Amino acid sequence: MHEPFELPAADLAGAADVIELCGNVVGRAIRQLAAGGGPDEHQVLAYDIAHVAAQVAAAKSMLDYGAKGDLEARLTCAFTADVTHDLMTRSCGRETMWGLETAPLGDAHTFLDRFRSPEFIASLADEPGPRHLDAEFEMVQDAFRSFADNEITPRAEHVHRHNGDVPEELITSLAEMGVFGLSVPAEYGGYGEGGDGEYIAMVVATEELSRGSLGIGGSLITRPEILTRALIKGGTEAQKHHWLPKLATAEVMAAVAVTEPDFGSDVAGIKVTATPAVGPEGEPGYAINGVKTWCTFGARADVLMLLARTDPDRAKTHRGLSLFIVPKPRGAGHGFEFTQPATAGGSVGKMEGRPIDTIGYRGMHSYEVALDNWWVPAENLIGEEAGLGKGFYFQMEGFENGRLQTAARAIGVMQAAYEAAAEYARHRKVFGSPISDYELTRVKLGRMAVLIQAARQFSYHVATLMAKGEGSIEASMVKAYVCRAAEWVTREAMQIHGGYGYAEEYPVSRLFVDARVLSIFEGADETLCLKVIARRLCDT
């Protein structure tokens, strides 16, 4: 007979030592990568380092959380063991590539033996842990969770199964709750007051709305947020006073038009052009020509935040790009075509949107948008004349925050999947017992709880950094790690449902296909790891 297992006491000091050990291993690998030619020369190594570095950063952020109670400490130890195991797996058999000796993490084995044991992980299955938010953010969480439960979740399945549109009443209600103005400074009609509260409130609201639905909930905030940040970074005062109040109240809803058919994450290769053109009434402006793709929410949006090449002499560089606010009519969810009056040069403007059908993330809809002499006034160039050639940097200001927000969306999807799996496991009986009684099920649920809380606390940490004007690389790290974690959590939640997980009868199948997009948009995982995270790690 097996001896009864006694759960080990949490060991935060041991966790800190193991995290430091992992950090040292990652540091040696980064130096090896930099000395060997960098991420472009050793892509597999760079990709693995980027992900492990992100996990180690998440583990460090868990240490403060672990100090707040016994459950918190046990979650921290479990996550530290999980991170260490992944580092071991990625480096095993590739020690030379990593610049390591064999078994560089040997001193961590005792810690892993205690905190990776099935019994220990299973003990966390029913205890996802408190968030430890301040009272004001608890109120934010309660408000948006209630809204998600009562308004978003009841509509989510219908929109997903029928590839429907985001219900207008949701946009109206969210606008009344002030969600679109969370990052708009109060002086421009929003609710943003600076500091970490602004960023944490956005993370909390996004998680709760995404828990209701990724496609018709949390993602509604992202596009206005990206344009808001770009305007705050580079807009003139007149532009801020004109556009930010409209974004804060949802009078204007935005879509982002950056990606092109041949240039996804390689923004420097953008071909869509904006050339000087006189408008129908003789006013100065630009004619936009070319094709954008993966323009999510492009039909319903009132404006496109569009990146275009204004300096053809700087082709294939970031410096020839400028950022425009492009007004358009609202269109139907399954395609649109608009025309403008002829400009002074006699050209009629045309804009056509072709829907791109997707397996998940429905409601927002994505489009390929073709623009033929679509005219915009000069005052819609962000920064006006001073903004020429600076569009890449303005849009990156928005995208960095968008990456943090995407991590928050992933956490919401994971939380919904965990709750669905735990509920199903309690009621589903196999061989006479609820499947929640089986060790394998409980270990899966326990690891879900660990990953979700670590992802959540890491996102809070990154939010505080970004509020101080820091955290650029951490925003990329939290996006890379959390979005990959969401794939595992939703996959295992689906598996716990058995055959019903594959049926449209249960929402977990929607959560699974929605999670899959998270590592693709807002910076594809591979590009984010190689071109942003690994490159910056090598430069530090």
Protein backbone atom coordinates (compact mmCIF):
# COMPACT_ATOMS: atom_id res chain seq x y z
CA MET A 1 0.00 0.00 0.00
CA HIS A 2 1.06 3.59 -0.63
CA GLU A 3 1.81 5.75 2.36
CA PRO A 4 -0.75 8.54 2.78
CA PHE A 5 0.49 11.70 1.13
CA GLU A 6 0.90 14.76 3.30
CA LEU A 7 0.74 18.03 1.39
CA PRO A 8 3.98 19.97 1.76
CA ALA A 9 3.91 23.40 3.35
CA ALA A 10 4.43 26.27 0.95
CA ASP A 11 8.04 27.40 0.62
CA LEU A 12 8.25 30.95 -0.71
CA ALA A 13 11.93 31.27 0.09
CA GLY A 14 12.56 28.09 -1.89
CA ALA A 15 10.44 29.44 -4.74
CA ALA A 16 12.47 32.65 -4.79
CA ASP A 17 15.71 30.64 -4.94
CA VAL A 18 14.43 28.49 -7.79
CA ILE A 19 13.21 31.55 -9.71
CA GLU A 20 16.65 33.13 -9.31
CA LEU A 21 18.24 29.90 -10.55
CA CYS A 22 15.95 29.88 -13.59
CA GLY A 23 16.72 33.53 -14.22
CA ASN A 24 20.44 32.77 -14.21
CA VAL A 25 19.95 29.97 -16.72
CA VAL A 26 17.94 32.26 -18.97
CA GLY A 27 20.60 34.97 -18.62
CA ARG A 28 23.33 32.59 -19.79
CA ALA A 29 21.19 31.52 -22.72
CA ILE A 30 20.58 35.14 -23.72
CA ARG A 31 24.30 35.84 -23.70
CA GLN A 32 24.90 32.72 -25.77
CA LEU A 33 22.24 33.81 -28.25
CA ALA A 34 23.62 37.34 -28.54
CA ALA A 35 27.17 36.11 -29.05
CA GLY A 36 26.09 33.60 -31.68
CA GLY A 37 24.43 36.03 -34.06
CA GLY A 38 21.14 36.80 -32.35
CA PRO A 39 17.53 35.76 -32.91
CA ASP A 40 17.64 35.75 -36.69
CA GLU A 41 20.47 33.21 -36.72
CA HIS A 42 19.06 30.90 -34.02
CA GLN A 43 15.31 31.16 -34.21
CA VAL A 44 14.36 28.06 -32.21
CA LEU A 45 16.65 29.05 -29.35
CA ALA A 46 15.37 32.64 -29.45
CA TYR A 47 11.75 31.50 -29.44
CA ASP A 48 12.28 29.19 -26.45
CA ILE A 49 14.22 31.83 -24.53
CA ALA A 50 11.49 34.42 -25.12
CA HIS A 51 8.80 32.15 -23.73
CA VAL A 52 10.84 30.99 -20.75
CA ALA A 53 11.91 34.56 -19.95
CA ALA A 54 8.24 35.54 -19.97
CA GLN A 55 7.38 32.71 -17.58
CA VAL A 56 10.23 33.59 -15.23
CA ALA A 57 9.02 37.21 -15.20
CA ALA A 58 5.53 35.95 -14.37
CA ALA A 59 6.92 33.80 -11.56
CA LYS A 60 8.75 36.80 -10.08
CA SER A 61 5.51 38.75 -10.09
CA MET A 62 3.87 35.92 -8.14
CA LEU A 63 6.23 36.22 -5.18
CA ASP A 64 4.45 39.29 -3.78
CA TYR A 65 1.12 37.55 -4.30
CA GLY A 66 2.42 34.45 -2.52
CA ALA A 67 3.22 36.48 0.57
CA LYS A 68 -0.47 37.32 1.11
CA GLY A 69 -1.66 33.95 2.43
CA ASP A 70 -1.19 30.20 2.51
CA LEU A 71 -3.26 29.47 -0.60
CA GLU A 72 -1.49 32.25 -2.45
CA ALA A 73 1.87 30.80 -1.44
CA ARG A 74 0.89 27.32 -2.59
CA LEU A 75 -0.24 28.68 -5.97
CA THR A 76 3.08 30.51 -6.26
CA CYS A 77 5.08 27.37 -5.49
CA ALA A 78 3.07 25.34 -7.98
CA PHE A 79 3.59 27.94 -10.71
CA THR A 80 7.31 28.20 -9.99
CA ALA A 81 7.61 24.43 -10.33
CA ASP A 82 5.63 24.54 -13.58
CA VAL A 83 7.93 27.22 -15.02
CA THR A 84 11.04 25.32 -13.97
CA HIS A 85 9.77 22.13 -15.55
CA ASP A 86 9.13 23.93 -18.83
CA LEU A 87 12.62 25.43 -18.78
CA MET A 88 14.08 21.98 -18.17
CA THR A 89 12.06 20.54 -21.04
CA ARG A 90 13.08 23.23 -23.51
CA SER A 91 16.78 23.10 -22.65
CA CYS A 92 17.17 19.32 -22.18
CA GLY A 93 19.26 17.89 -25.00
CA ARG A 94 20.11 21.40 -26.20
CA GLU A 95 22.39 22.44 -23.37
CA THR A 96 25.19 23.42 -25.76
CA MET A 97 22.82 25.74 -27.64
CA TRP A 98 21.82 27.31 -24.33
CA GLY A 99 25.43 27.71 -23.17
CA LEU A 100 24.77 25.37 -20.27
CA GLU A 101 26.25 22.37 -18.57
CA THR A 102 24.14 19.22 -18.36
CA ALA A 103 21.32 19.45 -15.81
CA PRO A 104 21.81 23.12 -14.87
CA LEU A 105 18.67 23.03 -12.74
CA GLY A 106 19.66 20.03 -10.66
CA ASP A 107 19.39 22.02 -7.44
CA ALA A 108 15.69 22.57 -8.15
CA HIS A 109 14.77 18.88 -8.16
CA THR A 110 13.78 18.72 -4.51
CA PHE A 111 11.51 21.72 -4.96
CA LEU A 112 9.94 20.17 -8.07
CA ASP A 113 9.44 16.85 -6.31
CA ARG A 114 7.34 18.61 -3.69
CA PHE A 115 5.39 21.07 -5.79
CA ARG A 116 4.88 19.20 -9.05
CA SER A 117 3.47 16.12 -7.37
CA PRO A 118 0.00 15.20 -8.63
CA GLU A 119 -1.35 15.28 -5.10
CA PHE A 120 -0.18 18.85 -4.58
CA ILE A 121 -1.51 20.15 -7.90
CA ALA A 122 -4.80 18.31 -7.37
CA SER A 123 -5.21 20.04 -4.01
CA LEU A 124 -5.54 23.35 -5.87
CA ALA A 125 -8.36 22.22 -8.16
CA ASP A 126 -11.10 23.96 -6.20
CA GLU A 127 -9.13 26.98 -5.07
CA PRO A 128 -8.31 29.48 -7.82
CA GLY A 129 -7.30 32.03 -5.22
CA PRO A 130 -8.33 35.62 -4.50
CA ARG A 131 -7.29 38.44 -6.80
CA HIS A 132 -6.30 40.84 -4.00
CA LEU A 133 -7.63 43.89 -5.79
CA ASP A 134 -8.15 47.19 -4.03
CA ALA A 135 -11.76 47.94 -3.13
CA GLU A 136 -12.29 50.27 -6.09
CA PHE A 137 -11.20 47.57 -8.53
CA GLU A 138 -13.34 44.99 -6.78
CA MET A 139 -16.24 47.28 -7.63
CA VAL A 140 -15.07 47.43 -11.25
CA GLN A 141 -14.86 43.65 -11.33
CA ASP A 142 -18.29 43.19 -9.80
CA ALA A 143 -19.91 45.65 -12.20
CA PHE A 144 -18.47 44.14 -15.35
CA ARG A 145 -18.88 40.55 -14.21
CA SER A 146 -22.55 41.22 -13.55
CA PHE A 147 -22.93 42.86 -16.94
CA ALA A 148 -21.18 39.94 -18.63
CA ASP A 149 -23.36 37.39 -16.84
CA ASN A 150 -26.62 39.19 -17.53
CA GLU A 151 -26.08 40.77 -20.94
CA ILE A 152 -23.14 39.21 -22.81
CA THR A 153 -23.20 35.51 -21.97
CA PRO A 154 -26.89 35.03 -22.91
CA ARG A 155 -26.12 36.40 -26.40
CA ALA A 156 -22.70 34.84 -26.94
CA GLU A 157 -23.70 31.43 -28.26
CA HIS A 158 -26.27 32.78 -30.73
CA VAL A 159 -23.80 35.25 -32.22
CA HIS A 160 -21.12 32.57 -32.46
CA ARG A 161 -23.29 29.83 -33.99
CA HIS A 162 -24.93 32.18 -36.51
CA ASN A 163 -21.85 34.29 -37.23
CA GLY A 164 -23.90 37.30 -36.17
CA ASP A 165 -22.95 40.88 -35.37
CA VAL A 166 -22.19 42.46 -32.02
CA PRO A 167 -25.61 43.53 -30.72
CA GLU A 168 -25.90 47.31 -30.77
CA GLU A 169 -27.46 47.36 -27.33
CA LEU A 170 -24.22 45.96 -25.87
CA ILE A 171 -22.21 48.82 -27.34
CA THR A 172 -24.73 51.33 -26.01
CA SER A 173 -24.77 49.80 -22.53
CA LEU A 174 -20.99 49.57 -22.31
CA ALA A 175 -20.69 53.18 -23.40
CA GLU A 176 -23.07 54.15 -20.59
CA MET A 177 -20.86 52.24 -18.16
CA GLY A 178 -17.90 54.31 -19.33
CA VAL A 179 -15.79 51.42 -20.55
CA PHE A 180 -14.65 53.15 -23.73
CA GLY A 181 -13.41 56.12 -21.75
CA LEU A 182 -11.27 54.25 -19.22
CA SER A 183 -8.05 55.40 -20.90
CA VAL A 184 -9.29 58.75 -22.19
CA PRO A 185 -8.00 61.55 -19.92
CA ALA A 186 -10.71 63.38 -18.02
CA GLU A 187 -9.82 66.65 -19.74
CA TYR A 188 -10.93 65.05 -23.03
CA GLY A 189 -14.21 63.67 -21.75
CA GLY A 190 -13.06 60.31 -20.42
CA TYR A 191 -12.43 58.70 -17.05
CA GLY A 192 -8.68 58.22 -17.16
CA GLU A 193 -6.78 59.91 -14.37
CA GLY A 194 -3.37 58.43 -15.05
CA GLY A 195 -1.47 56.12 -12.74
CA ASP A 196 -1.72 52.37 -12.41
CA GLY A 197 -5.42 52.56 -11.56
CA GLU A 198 -6.24 53.46 -15.15
CA TYR A 199 -4.38 50.43 -16.52
CA ILE A 200 -5.56 47.98 -13.88
CA ALA A 201 -9.18 49.04 -14.34
CA MET A 202 -8.82 48.35 -18.06
CA VAL A 203 -7.32 44.90 -17.38
CA VAL A 204 -10.05 44.00 -14.87
CA ALA A 205 -12.89 45.18 -17.13
CA THR A 206 -11.43 43.41 -20.16
CA GLU A 207 -11.06 40.11 -18.30
CA GLU A 208 -14.64 40.14 -17.06
CA LEU A 209 -16.13 41.09 -20.43
CA SER A 210 -14.03 38.43 -22.18
CA ARG A 211 -15.18 35.86 -19.65
CA GLY A 212 -18.65 36.51 -21.10
CA SER A 213 -17.44 36.42 -24.69
CA LEU A 214 -14.24 37.26 -26.52
CA GLY A 215 -16.08 38.15 -29.72
CA ILE A 216 -18.82 40.41 -28.40
CA GLY A 217 -17.40 41.41 -25.01
CA GLY A 218 -13.79 42.10 -24.15
CA SER A 219 -12.63 42.83 -27.67
CA LEU A 220 -14.94 45.83 -28.00
CA ILE A 221 -12.57 47.85 -25.82
CA THR A 222 -9.37 47.09 -27.69
CA ARG A 223 -9.71 49.09 -30.89
CA PRO A 224 -10.86 52.35 -29.31
CA GLU A 225 -8.08 51.85 -26.75
CA ILE A 226 -5.41 51.51 -29.47
CA LEU A 227 -6.58 54.66 -31.27
CA THR A 228 -6.86 56.53 -27.96
CA ARG A 229 -3.27 55.71 -27.05
CA ALA A 230 -2.03 56.70 -30.51
CA LEU A 231 -3.84 60.04 -30.28
CA ILE A 232 -2.50 60.73 -26.80
CA LYS A 233 1.00 59.95 -28.05
CA GLY A 234 1.01 61.89 -31.30
CA GLY A 235 -2.21 63.81 -31.85
CA THR A 236 -2.49 67.59 -31.87
CA GLU A 237 -4.56 69.25 -29.17
CA ALA A 238 -7.28 69.94 -31.72
CA GLN A 239 -7.35 66.26 -32.71
CA LYS A 240 -7.49 65.13 -29.09
CA HIS A 241 -10.35 67.48 -28.28
CA HIS A 242 -12.24 66.40 -31.39
CA TRP A 243 -11.78 62.62 -31.36
CA LEU A 244 -11.21 61.51 -27.77
CA PRO A 245 -14.63 62.57 -26.42
CA LYS A 246 -16.28 60.75 -29.33
CA LEU A 247 -14.25 57.60 -28.62
CA ALA A 248 -15.05 57.79 -24.90
CA THR A 249 -18.81 57.79 -25.52
CA ALA A 250 -18.79 55.35 -28.48
CA GLU A 251 -20.16 58.08 -30.72
CA VAL A 252 -17.24 56.92 -32.84
CA MET A 253 -16.20 53.26 -32.87
CA ALA A 254 -12.83 52.42 -34.37
CA ALA A 255 -11.21 49.59 -36.30
CA VAL A 256 -7.50 49.14 -36.94
CA ALA A 257 -6.21 48.85 -40.52
CA VAL A 258 -2.50 48.05 -40.35
CA THR A 259 -1.96 44.50 -41.67
CA GLU A 260 -1.71 43.92 -45.43
CA PRO A 261 -2.06 40.70 -47.47
CA ASP A 262 1.70 40.36 -48.03
CA PHE A 263 2.83 42.10 -44.88
CA GLY A 264 1.46 40.85 -41.58
CA SER A 265 3.77 41.59 -38.69
CA ASP A 266 6.37 43.01 -41.11
CA VAL A 267 4.95 46.51 -40.88
CA ALA A 268 7.99 48.07 -42.56
CA GLY A 269 6.90 46.51 -45.87
CA ILE A 270 3.52 48.26 -46.00
CA LYS A 271 2.45 49.23 -49.53
CA VAL A 272 -0.84 51.10 -49.00
CA THR A 273 -0.15 54.70 -49.97
CA ALA A 274 -1.49 58.07 -48.92
CA THR A 275 -0.69 60.80 -51.44
CA PRO A 276 -1.61 64.50 -51.31
CA ALA A 277 -4.97 65.18 -53.01
CA VAL A 278 -7.39 68.09 -53.07
CA GLY A 279 -10.86 67.25 -51.75
CA PRO A 280 -14.27 67.82 -53.37
CA GLU A 281 -14.52 71.30 -51.84
CA GLY A 282 -10.93 72.24 -52.60
CA GLU A 283 -9.61 71.35 -49.14
CA PRO A 284 -6.18 69.72 -48.64
CA GLY A 285 -6.02 66.01 -47.90
CA TYR A 286 -4.77 62.59 -48.95
CA ALA A 287 -5.98 59.88 -51.32
CA ILE A 288 -5.48 56.38 -49.93
CA ASN A 289 -4.91 53.43 -52.23
CA GLY A 290 -4.26 49.78 -51.53
CA VAL A 291 -5.54 46.78 -49.58
CA LYS A 292 -5.63 46.11 -45.86
CA THR A 293 -6.53 42.75 -44.36
CA TRP A 294 -7.61 41.38 -40.99
CA CYS A 295 -9.38 44.65 -40.28
CA THR A 296 -11.50 43.46 -37.37
CA PHE A 297 -14.78 45.31 -36.77
CA GLY A 298 -14.20 47.11 -40.07
CA ALA A 299 -17.85 47.15 -41.15
CA ARG A 300 -19.44 48.50 -37.98
CA ALA A 301 -16.62 50.95 -37.26
CA ASP A 302 -17.09 54.64 -37.92
CA VAL A 303 -13.38 55.23 -38.51
CA LEU A 304 -10.32 53.20 -39.43
CA MET A 305 -6.99 53.83 -37.76
CA LEU A 306 -4.98 53.28 -40.92
CA LEU A 307 -1.22 53.12 -41.40
CA ALA A 308 -0.08 54.17 -44.87
CA ARG A 309 3.13 55.04 -46.69
CA THR A 310 3.44 58.77 -47.25
CA ASP A 311 7.12 58.77 -48.29
CA PRO A 312 7.74 56.42 -51.24
CA ASP A 313 11.45 57.16 -51.07
CA ARG A 314 11.60 55.32 -47.78
CA ALA A 315 10.02 52.08 -48.96
CA LYS A 316 10.50 49.09 -46.69
CA THR A 317 11.30 51.26 -43.67
CA HIS A 318 9.26 52.40 -40.68
CA ARG A 319 10.12 56.03 -41.24
CA GLY A 320 8.02 56.56 -44.34
CA LEU A 321 4.74 55.61 -42.62
CA SER A 322 2.02 57.89 -41.29
CA LEU A 323 -1.13 57.21 -39.29
CA PHE A 324 -4.57 58.40 -40.36
CA ILE A 325 -8.06 58.51 -38.90
CA VAL A 326 -10.20 57.47 -41.87
CA PRO A 327 -13.96 58.16 -41.54
CA LYS A 328 -16.38 55.75 -43.20
CA PRO A 329 -20.08 54.89 -43.09
CA ARG A 330 -21.27 51.99 -40.95
CA GLY A 331 -21.72 48.82 -42.96
CA ALA A 332 -23.38 45.42 -42.73
CA GLY A 333 -21.57 42.61 -40.97
CA HIS A 334 -21.18 40.47 -44.07
CA GLY A 335 -19.49 42.87 -46.45
CA PHE A 336 -19.74 46.49 -47.53
CA GLU A 337 -19.05 48.85 -50.41
CA PHE A 338 -18.98 52.65 -50.20
CA THR A 339 -18.24 55.52 -52.57
CA GLN A 340 -17.27 59.16 -52.09
CA PRO A 341 -17.85 62.25 -54.24
CA ALA A 342 -15.13 62.89 -56.78
CA THR A 343 -12.11 64.86 -55.61
CA ALA A 344 -10.91 67.97 -57.40
CA GLY A 345 -8.88 65.68 -59.62
CA GLY A 346 -12.01 63.88 -60.76
CA SER A 347 -11.42 60.58 -58.93
CA VAL A 348 -14.35 58.90 -57.13
CA GLY A 349 -13.35 57.32 -53.83
CA LYS A 350 -14.22 53.68 -53.25
CA MET A 351 -13.96 51.40 -50.22
CA GLU A 352 -14.93 47.73 -50.31
CA GLY A 353 -14.84 45.25 -47.45
CA ARG A 354 -14.78 41.51 -48.05
CA PRO A 355 -15.52 39.43 -44.94
CA ILE A 356 -13.03 36.78 -43.86
CA ASP A 357 -14.87 33.84 -42.34
CA THR A 358 -13.21 32.46 -39.21
CA ILE A 359 -13.67 29.39 -37.02
CA GLY A 360 -14.04 31.51 -33.89
CA TYR A 361 -13.85 35.07 -32.58
CA ARG A 362 -17.15 35.83 -34.26
CA GLY A 363 -19.28 38.90 -33.82
CA MET A 364 -16.52 41.41 -34.50
CA HIS A 365 -15.91 40.06 -38.05
CA SER A 366 -12.67 40.61 -39.94
CA TYR A 367 -12.34 42.04 -43.43
CA GLU A 368 -10.07 42.59 -46.35
CA VAL A 369 -10.57 46.27 -47.14
CA ALA A 370 -9.72 47.65 -50.58
CA LEU A 371 -9.35 51.43 -50.88
CA ASP A 372 -9.34 53.19 -54.24
CA ASN A 373 -8.67 56.94 -54.02
CA TRP A 374 -10.45 57.09 -50.67
CA TRP A 375 -9.98 60.69 -49.59
CA VAL A 376 -9.31 61.93 -46.06
CA PRO A 377 -8.74 65.54 -44.97
CA ALA A 378 -5.24 66.59 -43.98
CA GLU A 379 -6.45 67.28 -40.45
CA ASN A 380 -7.01 63.52 -40.05
CA LEU A 381 -3.30 62.76 -40.26
CA ILE A 382 -2.42 62.10 -36.62
CA GLY A 383 -0.04 64.85 -35.60
CA GLU A 384 -0.87 66.64 -38.89
CA GLU A 385 2.29 67.78 -40.69
CA ALA A 386 4.45 67.06 -37.64
CA GLY A 387 3.18 63.47 -37.72
CA LEU A 388 4.42 62.67 -41.21
CA GLY A 389 6.66 59.62 -41.09
CA LYS A 390 5.92 58.95 -37.41
CA GLY A 391 2.89 56.70 -37.81
CA PHE A 392 4.70 53.49 -36.88
CA TYR A 393 5.72 54.91 -33.52
CA PHE A 394 2.25 56.27 -32.79
CA GLN A 395 0.55 52.99 -33.57
CA MET A 396 3.10 51.04 -31.51
CA GLU A 397 2.07 53.13 -28.50
CA GLY A 398 -1.41 51.72 -28.94
CA PHE A 399 -0.26 48.21 -29.78
CA GLU A 400 1.86 47.82 -26.64
CA ASN A 401 -1.17 48.52 -24.51
CA GLY A 402 -3.20 46.30 -26.85
CA ARG A 403 -0.88 43.41 -26.00
CA LEU A 404 -1.56 43.82 -22.30
CA GLN A 405 -5.25 44.01 -23.08
CA THR A 406 -5.04 40.86 -25.19
CA ALA A 407 -3.50 39.06 -22.21
CA ALA A 408 -6.47 40.22 -20.13
CA ARG A 409 -8.81 38.88 -22.81
CA ALA A 410 -7.02 35.54 -22.65
CA ILE A 411 -7.42 35.43 -18.87
CA GLY A 412 -11.16 35.98 -19.22
CA VAL A 413 -11.45 33.14 -21.72
CA MET A 414 -9.39 30.86 -19.46
CA GLN A 415 -11.50 31.73 -16.43
CA ALA A 416 -14.69 30.90 -18.32
CA ALA A 417 -13.20 27.59 -19.48
CA TYR A 418 -12.04 26.67 -15.97
CA GLU A 419 -15.45 27.43 -14.48
CA ALA A 420 -17.22 25.43 -17.18
CA ALA A 421 -14.90 22.45 -16.74
CA ALA A 422 -15.16 22.47 -12.95
CA GLU A 423 -18.96 22.65 -13.10
CA TYR A 424 -19.20 19.85 -15.66
CA ALA A 425 -16.77 17.66 -13.68
CA ARG A 426 -18.87 17.95 -10.53
CA HIS A 427 -21.99 16.65 -12.26
CA ARG A 428 -20.64 14.18 -14.82
CA LYS A 429 -20.39 10.63 -13.46
CA VAL A 430 -18.14 7.99 -15.00
CA PHE A 431 -17.91 4.47 -13.56
CA GLY A 432 -20.16 5.53 -10.71
CA SER A 433 -18.24 8.60 -9.53
CA PRO A 434 -18.17 12.27 -10.53
CA ILE A 435 -15.14 12.86 -12.72
CA SER A 436 -14.16 15.65 -10.33
CA ASP A 437 -13.18 12.86 -7.90
CA TYR A 438 -10.54 11.46 -10.24
CA GLU A 439 -6.94 12.50 -9.75
CA LEU A 440 -6.29 13.18 -13.42
CA THR A 441 -9.24 15.56 -13.64
CA ARG A 442 -8.25 17.33 -10.45
CA VAL A 443 -4.66 17.77 -11.61
CA LYS A 444 -5.92 19.37 -14.81
CA LEU A 445 -8.21 21.70 -12.89
CA GLY A 446 -5.45 22.48 -10.40
CA ARG A 447 -2.98 23.44 -13.12
CA MET A 448 -5.68 25.60 -14.74
CA ALA A 449 -6.15 27.47 -11.46
CA VAL A 450 -2.40 27.97 -11.11
CA LEU A 451 -1.88 29.25 -14.65
CA ILE A 452 -4.88 31.57 -14.52
CA GLN A 453 -3.86 33.22 -11.27
CA ALA A 454 -0.25 33.61 -12.39
CA ALA A 455 -1.41 35.14 -15.67
CA ARG A 456 -3.73 37.49 -13.79
CA GLN A 457 -1.11 38.66 -11.31
CA PHE A 458 1.47 39.12 -14.08
CA SER A 459 -0.99 41.28 -16.00
CA TYR A 460 -1.56 43.45 -12.92
CA HIS A 461 2.21 43.81 -12.54
CA VAL A 462 2.64 44.82 -16.18
CA ALA A 463 -0.20 47.32 -15.81
CA THR A 464 1.63 49.04 -12.95
CA LEU A 465 4.81 49.18 -15.04
CA MET A 466 3.05 50.67 -18.04
CA ALA A 467 1.43 53.31 -15.85
CA LYS A 468 4.97 54.51 -15.05
CA GLY A 469 5.96 54.62 -18.71
CA GLU A 470 7.81 51.32 -18.42
CA GLY A 471 6.97 47.71 -19.20
CA SER A 472 7.33 47.70 -22.97
CA ILE A 473 9.04 44.31 -23.14
CA GLU A 474 6.88 42.97 -20.31
CA ALA A 475 3.73 43.85 -22.30
CA SER A 476 5.02 41.62 -25.09
CA MET A 477 5.97 38.91 -22.61
CA VAL A 478 2.59 38.80 -20.90
CA LYS A 479 0.85 38.59 -24.27
CA ALA A 480 3.13 35.79 -25.50
CA TYR A 481 2.89 33.64 -22.39
CA VAL A 482 -0.72 34.10 -21.38
CA CYS A 483 -2.13 33.55 -24.86
CA ARG A 484 -0.28 30.25 -25.18
CA ALA A 485 -1.48 29.23 -21.72
CA ALA A 486 -5.06 29.94 -22.81
CA GLU A 487 -4.75 27.31 -25.54
CA TRP A 488 -3.84 24.64 -23.01
CA VAL A 489 -6.51 25.65 -20.50
CA THR A 490 -9.33 25.70 -23.05
CA ARG A 491 -8.14 22.48 -24.67
CA GLU A 492 -8.16 20.64 -21.35
CA ALA A 493 -11.50 22.16 -20.38
CA MET A 494 -12.85 20.80 -23.64
CA GLN A 495 -11.29 17.41 -22.92
CA ILE A 496 -12.91 17.24 -19.48
CA HIS A 497 -16.26 17.60 -21.24
CA GLY A 498 -15.48 14.49 -23.30
CA GLY A 499 -17.63 14.12 -26.39
CA TYR A 500 -19.80 17.03 -25.34
CA GLY A 501 -16.76 19.28 -25.53
CA TYR A 502 -16.76 18.70 -29.27
CA ALA A 503 -20.46 19.42 -29.56
CA GLU A 504 -21.91 22.86 -30.10
CA GLU A 505 -24.30 22.16 -27.26
CA TYR A 506 -21.74 23.37 -24.73
CA PRO A 507 -19.99 26.78 -24.78
CA VAL A 508 -16.57 25.25 -24.11
CA SER A 509 -16.14 24.53 -27.83
CA ARG A 510 -16.53 28.27 -28.50
CA LEU A 511 -13.96 29.07 -25.83
CA PHE A 512 -11.52 26.66 -27.45
CA VAL A 513 -11.72 28.15 -30.94
CA ASP A 514 -11.74 31.68 -29.56
CA ALA A 515 -8.56 31.03 -27.57
CA ARG A 516 -6.78 29.84 -30.67
CA VAL A 517 -6.73 33.30 -32.22
CA LEU A 518 -5.02 34.92 -29.25
CA SER A 519 -1.50 33.83 -30.23
CA ILE A 520 -2.07 35.06 -33.77
CA PHE A 521 -3.42 38.60 -33.56
CA GLU A 522 -1.93 41.68 -31.87
CA GLY A 523 1.49 40.33 -32.89
CA ALA A 524 1.84 36.72 -34.04
CA ASP A 525 3.55 34.64 -31.36
CA GLU A 526 6.62 33.79 -33.45
CA THR A 527 7.21 37.36 -34.58
CA LEU A 528 6.61 38.73 -31.10
CA CYS A 529 9.12 36.30 -29.61
CA LEU A 530 11.84 36.67 -32.27
CA LYS A 531 11.56 40.29 -33.35
CA VAL A 532 10.53 41.91 -30.07
CA ILE A 533 11.21 39.88 -26.93
CA ALA A 534 14.39 37.98 -27.87
CA ARG A 535 15.84 40.95 -29.72
CA ARG A 536 15.33 43.28 -26.77
CA LEU A 537 16.70 40.72 -24.33
CA CYS A 538 19.85 40.48 -26.43
CA ASP A 539 20.16 44.28 -26.49
CA THR A 540 19.99 44.69 -22.71
